């Protein structure tokens, strides 16, 4: 069963998550314009949940994977 979860997490594109994040920002901005703290809170909650989903999806996608997605730099090369 964990293999199926990883397969599902790796096949989800980033565009829907970014779209939900954008929706959260727009809802929060509309709440600020309308001076409704409840709508601002809902927008921030949407943004937070989308961010959490992105982090969890990335963790599940790379958890247990032998391949490190970061580029390899030779020893002694400056930079991060």
Protein backbone atom coordinates (compact mmCIF):
# COMPACT_ATOMS: atom_id res chain seq x y z
CA UNK A 1 0.00 0.00 0.00
CA UNK A 2 2.78 2.56 0.69
CA UNK A 3 4.00 2.11 -2.88
CA UNK A 4 0.59 3.17 -4.19
CA UNK A 5 0.68 6.29 -2.01
CA UNK A 6 4.10 7.25 -3.36
CA UNK A 7 2.94 6.62 -6.93
CA UNK A 8 -0.05 8.91 -6.43
CA UNK A 9 2.07 11.64 -4.81
CA UNK A 10 4.61 11.68 -7.63
CA UNK A 11 1.96 11.98 -10.32
CA UNK A 12 0.32 15.12 -8.90
CA UNK A 13 1.53 18.18 -10.83
CA UNK A 14 2.43 21.38 -9.00
CA UNK A 15 -0.04 23.57 -10.91
CA UNK A 16 -3.14 22.62 -8.86
CA UNK A 17 -1.31 23.30 -5.60
CA UNK A 18 -0.13 26.69 -6.85
CA UNK A 19 -3.68 27.39 -8.02
CA UNK A 20 -5.10 26.65 -4.56
CA UNK A 21 -2.40 28.83 -3.00
CA UNK A 22 -3.35 31.65 -5.36
CA UNK A 23 -7.00 31.17 -4.46
CA UNK A 24 -6.12 31.52 -0.77
CA UNK A 25 -4.22 34.76 -1.40
CA UNK A 26 -7.09 36.19 -3.49
CA UNK A 27 -9.69 35.25 -0.85
CA UNK A 28 -7.54 36.87 1.87
CA UNK A 29 -7.12 40.03 -0.21
CA UNK A 30 -10.85 40.23 -0.88
CA UNK A 31 -11.41 39.83 2.85
CA UNK A 32 -9.06 42.72 3.55
CA UNK A 33 -10.83 44.93 1.01
CA UNK A 34 -14.23 43.97 2.46
CA UNK A 35 -12.86 44.34 6.02
CA UNK A 36 -14.11 40.90 6.95
CA UNK A 37 -11.80 39.11 9.36
CA UNK A 38 -13.62 35.85 8.76
CA UNK A 39 -12.95 35.92 5.01
CA UNK A 40 -9.31 36.87 5.65
CA UNK A 41 -9.02 33.91 8.03
CA UNK A 42 -10.56 31.55 5.48
CA UNK A 43 -8.11 32.77 2.82
CA UNK A 44 -5.14 32.30 5.13
CA UNK A 45 -6.42 28.84 6.10
CA UNK A 46 -6.69 27.85 2.42
CA UNK A 47 -3.15 29.13 1.82
CA UNK A 48 -1.82 27.27 4.87
CA UNK A 49 -3.50 23.99 3.90
CA UNK A 50 -2.20 24.21 0.32
CA UNK A 51 1.31 24.88 1.61
CA UNK A 52 1.08 21.97 4.04
CA UNK A 53 -0.17 19.70 1.25
CA UNK A 54 2.77 20.74 -0.93
CA UNK A 55 5.29 19.97 1.83
CA UNK A 56 3.70 16.62 2.68
CA UNK A 57 3.52 15.71 -1.01
CA UNK A 58 7.19 16.52 -1.49
CA UNK A 59 8.12 14.49 1.59
CA UNK A 60 6.12 11.48 0.45
CA UNK A 61 7.50 11.80 -3.06
CA UNK A 62 11.14 11.75 -1.97
CA UNK A 63 10.89 9.68 1.22
CA UNK A 64 12.80 6.45 0.79
CA UNK A 65 13.99 7.38 -2.68
CA UNK A 66 17.66 6.61 -3.19
CA UNK A 67 18.04 9.47 -5.69
CA UNK A 68 18.75 12.89 -4.22
CA UNK A 69 17.06 15.57 -6.39
CA UNK A 70 19.71 18.19 -5.57
CA UNK A 71 22.60 18.65 -8.01
CA UNK A 72 25.92 17.20 -6.90
CA UNK A 73 28.87 19.62 -6.63
CA UNK A 74 32.45 18.45 -6.48
CA UNK A 75 34.18 18.86 -3.11
CA UNK A 76 35.82 22.23 -2.64
CA UNK A 77 33.44 24.09 -4.96
CA UNK A 78 32.00 27.28 -3.41
CA UNK A 79 28.27 27.73 -2.92
CA UNK A 80 25.41 25.89 -1.34
